[in-house]
Amino acid sequence: MKYSVKPLAEDSRVFKVDPQIKVKSVRFQNRYGFMVAGNLYLPADFDESKKYAVIVISGPFGAGNEQSSGLYAQTLAQRGFVTATFDQSTTGESSGDVRNVASPDIFVEDFSAAVDFLGTQKYVDREKIGAIGICGLGSHVLTAAFIDVRIKAVATSVMYDMAESMWSGLNNSKTAEQRDREK
């Protein structure tokens, strides 16, 4: 598996940055061949010789990992976790020629690819890997945790059912005719 860990070259985070939390830019490949882009957050007292619990975090559909998932990651790093955020394949800085494609199978694989990447880091306690999914793409973390037994804990912050919203329209705004055209 291909991956890279580099210093954060350009900081585009949109929340108040804690200077004690070190952040690195990461890239890792999923089994579909997409290069997934993200950030790695290290606690203030990080010691590479110790083992840490880690949490993988993906953000809302269309959001970059420098937004809400980055804030979650920084907050959890302040509490001693190593955290990793990522842009799902075809979104943000992750690869994919066709952009912003909603593909549940690929998005679930992105979580497993993040776990693959983290598992190669010597400071990761492989028995203490968790995952968080946020908003519109948060439900994919549940499938990932069901399939990938390496994920030992899971949480979501999902405010509505995306599939139902796509079918019925926001606030049930689609007519029966509109839904029939989409079949």
Protein backbone atom coordinates (compact mmCIF):
# COMPACT_ATOMS: atom_id res chain seq x y z
CA MET A 1 0.00 0.00 0.00
CA LYS A 2 1.25 3.45 -0.86
CA TYR A 3 1.19 6.19 1.74
CA SER A 4 3.00 9.37 2.74
CA VAL A 5 3.32 11.51 5.86
CA LYS A 6 4.63 15.06 5.40
CA PRO A 7 4.67 18.33 7.31
CA LEU A 8 1.52 20.38 6.78
CA ALA A 9 2.60 22.69 3.93
CA GLU A 10 -0.47 24.92 3.72
CA ASP A 11 -2.79 25.27 6.70
CA SER A 12 -6.35 25.83 5.49
CA ARG A 13 -8.18 24.80 8.68
CA VAL A 14 -11.22 26.96 9.38
CA PHE A 15 -11.31 26.68 13.19
CA LYS A 16 -9.13 28.05 15.98
CA VAL A 17 -5.91 26.04 15.77
CA ASP A 18 -4.29 24.72 18.94
CA PRO A 19 -0.54 25.23 18.39
CA GLN A 20 0.29 22.41 20.85
CA ILE A 21 -1.35 19.82 18.57
CA LYS A 22 1.03 18.85 15.77
CA VAL A 23 -0.61 18.19 12.41
CA LYS A 24 0.85 16.37 9.42
CA SER A 25 -0.46 15.92 5.91
CA VAL A 26 -1.12 12.27 5.00
CA ARG A 27 -1.97 10.41 1.82
CA PHE A 28 -2.90 6.74 1.58
CA GLN A 29 -4.25 4.57 -1.20
CA ASN A 30 -7.48 2.59 -0.94
CA ARG A 31 -8.05 -0.74 -2.68
CA TYR A 32 -9.88 1.01 -5.55
CA GLY A 33 -6.69 2.93 -6.36
CA PHE A 34 -7.83 6.33 -5.09
CA MET A 35 -5.27 8.38 -3.18
CA VAL A 36 -7.07 9.56 -0.05
CA ALA A 37 -5.90 12.88 1.43
CA GLY A 38 -6.06 13.77 5.09
CA ASN A 39 -4.41 15.13 8.18
CA LEU A 40 -2.84 13.36 11.15
CA TYR A 41 -3.24 15.05 14.58
CA LEU A 42 -0.76 14.22 17.35
CA PRO A 43 -1.32 15.01 21.06
CA ALA A 44 0.73 17.78 22.68
CA ASP A 45 2.81 15.30 24.68
CA PHE A 46 3.24 12.90 21.73
CA ASP A 47 6.02 10.35 22.21
CA GLU A 48 6.69 8.12 19.19
CA SER A 49 7.93 5.33 21.48
CA LYS A 50 4.48 4.99 23.16
CA LYS A 51 1.34 3.28 21.87
CA TYR A 52 -1.76 5.41 21.34
CA ALA A 53 -5.45 4.81 20.78
CA VAL A 54 -6.40 6.26 17.39
CA ILE A 55 -9.60 7.60 15.88
CA VAL A 56 -10.31 7.92 12.15
CA ILE A 57 -12.73 10.74 11.27
CA SER A 58 -14.55 11.60 8.05
CA GLY A 59 -16.51 14.75 7.53
CA PRO A 60 -19.78 15.76 5.89
CA PHE A 61 -20.43 15.24 2.20
CA GLY A 62 -18.66 17.98 0.27
CA ALA A 63 -16.69 19.24 3.27
CA GLY A 64 -12.92 19.18 3.51
CA ASN A 65 -11.03 17.55 6.36
CA GLU A 66 -9.94 21.03 7.46
CA GLN A 67 -13.49 21.77 8.60
CA SER A 68 -15.67 19.90 11.14
CA SER A 69 -13.73 16.62 11.07
CA GLY A 70 -10.54 18.58 11.74
CA LEU A 71 -12.12 20.26 14.74
CA TYR A 72 -13.21 16.86 16.10
CA ALA A 73 -9.69 15.55 15.47
CA GLN A 74 -7.98 18.45 17.21
CA THR A 75 -10.34 18.21 20.21
CA LEU A 76 -9.71 14.47 20.58
CA ALA A 77 -5.94 15.00 20.19
CA GLN A 78 -6.17 17.50 23.06
CA ARG A 79 -7.51 14.55 25.08
CA GLY A 80 -4.57 12.29 24.19
CA PHE A 81 -5.75 10.45 21.07
CA VAL A 82 -3.91 10.26 17.77
CA THR A 83 -6.52 11.17 15.17
CA ALA A 84 -6.68 11.11 11.40
CA THR A 85 -9.12 12.97 9.17
CA PHE A 86 -9.67 12.36 5.49
CA ASP A 87 -11.52 13.62 2.45
CA GLN A 88 -13.51 10.75 0.96
CA SER A 89 -12.39 9.58 -2.47
CA THR A 90 -13.47 11.97 -5.26
CA THR A 91 -13.90 14.85 -2.79
CA GLY A 92 -11.61 17.57 -1.43
CA GLU A 93 -7.92 16.83 -1.97
CA SER A 94 -8.49 13.09 -2.52
CA SER A 95 -8.12 11.75 -6.04
CA GLY A 96 -10.79 10.88 -8.57
CA ASP A 97 -11.42 12.33 -12.00
CA VAL A 98 -15.18 12.48 -11.53
CA ARG A 99 -15.73 14.75 -8.53
CA ASN A 100 -18.22 14.52 -5.68
CA VAL A 101 -19.56 11.09 -6.58
CA ALA A 102 -21.62 9.47 -3.83
CA SER A 103 -20.34 5.89 -3.72
CA PRO A 104 -21.03 4.04 -0.46
CA ASP A 105 -18.75 1.10 -1.28
CA ILE A 106 -15.80 3.41 -1.97
CA PHE A 107 -16.50 5.60 1.08
CA VAL A 108 -16.64 2.53 3.35
CA GLU A 109 -13.34 1.35 1.88
CA ASP A 110 -11.83 4.77 2.65
CA PHE A 111 -12.30 4.06 6.38
CA SER A 112 -10.56 0.68 6.04
CA ALA A 113 -7.74 2.28 4.04
CA ALA A 114 -7.29 4.82 6.85
CA VAL A 115 -7.10 1.94 9.34
CA ASP A 116 -4.57 0.19 7.06
CA PHE A 117 -2.44 3.34 7.01
CA LEU A 118 -2.62 3.92 10.76
CA GLY A 119 -1.81 0.27 11.44
CA THR A 120 1.59 0.79 9.79
CA GLN A 121 2.55 3.46 12.31
CA LYS A 122 4.61 2.07 15.20
CA TYR A 123 2.96 4.34 17.78
CA VAL A 124 -0.56 2.99 17.08
CA ASP A 125 -2.18 0.50 19.45
CA ARG A 126 -3.90 -1.72 16.87
CA GLU A 127 -6.36 -2.95 19.52
CA LYS A 128 -7.59 0.60 20.16
CA ILE A 129 -8.83 1.92 16.82
CA GLY A 130 -12.05 3.89 16.64
CA ALA A 131 -13.90 5.75 13.91
CA ILE A 132 -16.28 8.71 13.71
CA GLY A 133 -18.55 9.66 10.82
CA ILE A 134 -20.05 13.14 10.59
CA CYS A 135 -23.26 14.33 8.92
CA GLY A 136 -24.14 13.31 5.35
CA LEU A 137 -21.40 10.72 5.00
CA GLY A 138 -21.40 9.64 8.63
CA SER A 139 -23.49 6.54 8.07
CA HIS A 140 -20.66 4.90 6.11
CA VAL A 141 -18.68 4.55 9.33
CA LEU A 142 -21.33 2.13 10.62
CA THR A 143 -20.90 -0.15 7.62
CA ALA A 144 -17.12 0.14 7.88
CA ALA A 145 -17.17 -0.87 11.56
CA PHE A 146 -19.49 -3.79 10.77
CA ILE A 147 -17.18 -5.07 8.03
CA ASP A 148 -13.76 -4.15 9.42
CA VAL A 149 -13.24 -5.85 12.79
CA ARG A 150 -10.14 -3.76 13.43
CA ILE A 151 -12.45 -0.82 14.23
CA LYS A 152 -13.24 -1.41 17.90
CA ALA A 153 -15.39 1.68 18.62
CA VAL A 154 -17.65 3.79 16.43
CA ALA A 155 -19.65 7.00 16.76
CA THR A 156 -21.69 9.10 14.38
CA SER A 157 -23.06 12.59 14.28
CA VAL A 158 -25.72 12.11 11.60
CA MET A 159 -28.72 14.40 11.60
CA TYR A 160 -30.89 12.83 8.91
CA ASP A 161 -31.28 9.91 6.54
CA MET A 162 -29.42 10.85 3.31
CA ALA A 163 -31.06 8.10 1.24
CA GLU A 164 -34.54 9.23 2.26
CA SER A 165 -33.62 12.86 1.64
CA MET A 166 -32.41 12.04 -1.89
CA TRP A 167 -35.60 10.05 -2.62
CA SER A 168 -38.16 12.38 -1.04
CA GLY A 169 -36.36 15.69 -1.35
CA LEU A 170 -35.50 18.05 1.47
CA ASN A 171 -38.52 18.30 3.79
CA ASN A 172 -40.42 15.88 1.52
CA SER A 173 -40.37 18.41 -1.35
CA LYS A 174 -40.36 15.99 -4.33
CA THR A 175 -43.63 15.08 -5.98
CA ALA A 176 -44.57 11.51 -6.91
CA GLU A 177 -43.91 12.45 -10.57
CA GLN A 178 -40.36 13.60 -9.76
CA ARG A 179 -39.63 10.39 -7.86
CA ASP A 180 -41.06 8.26 -10.71
CA ARG A 181 -38.72 9.97 -13.21
CA GLU A 182 -35.75 8.93 -11.06
CA LYS A 183 -36.57 5.21 -11.07
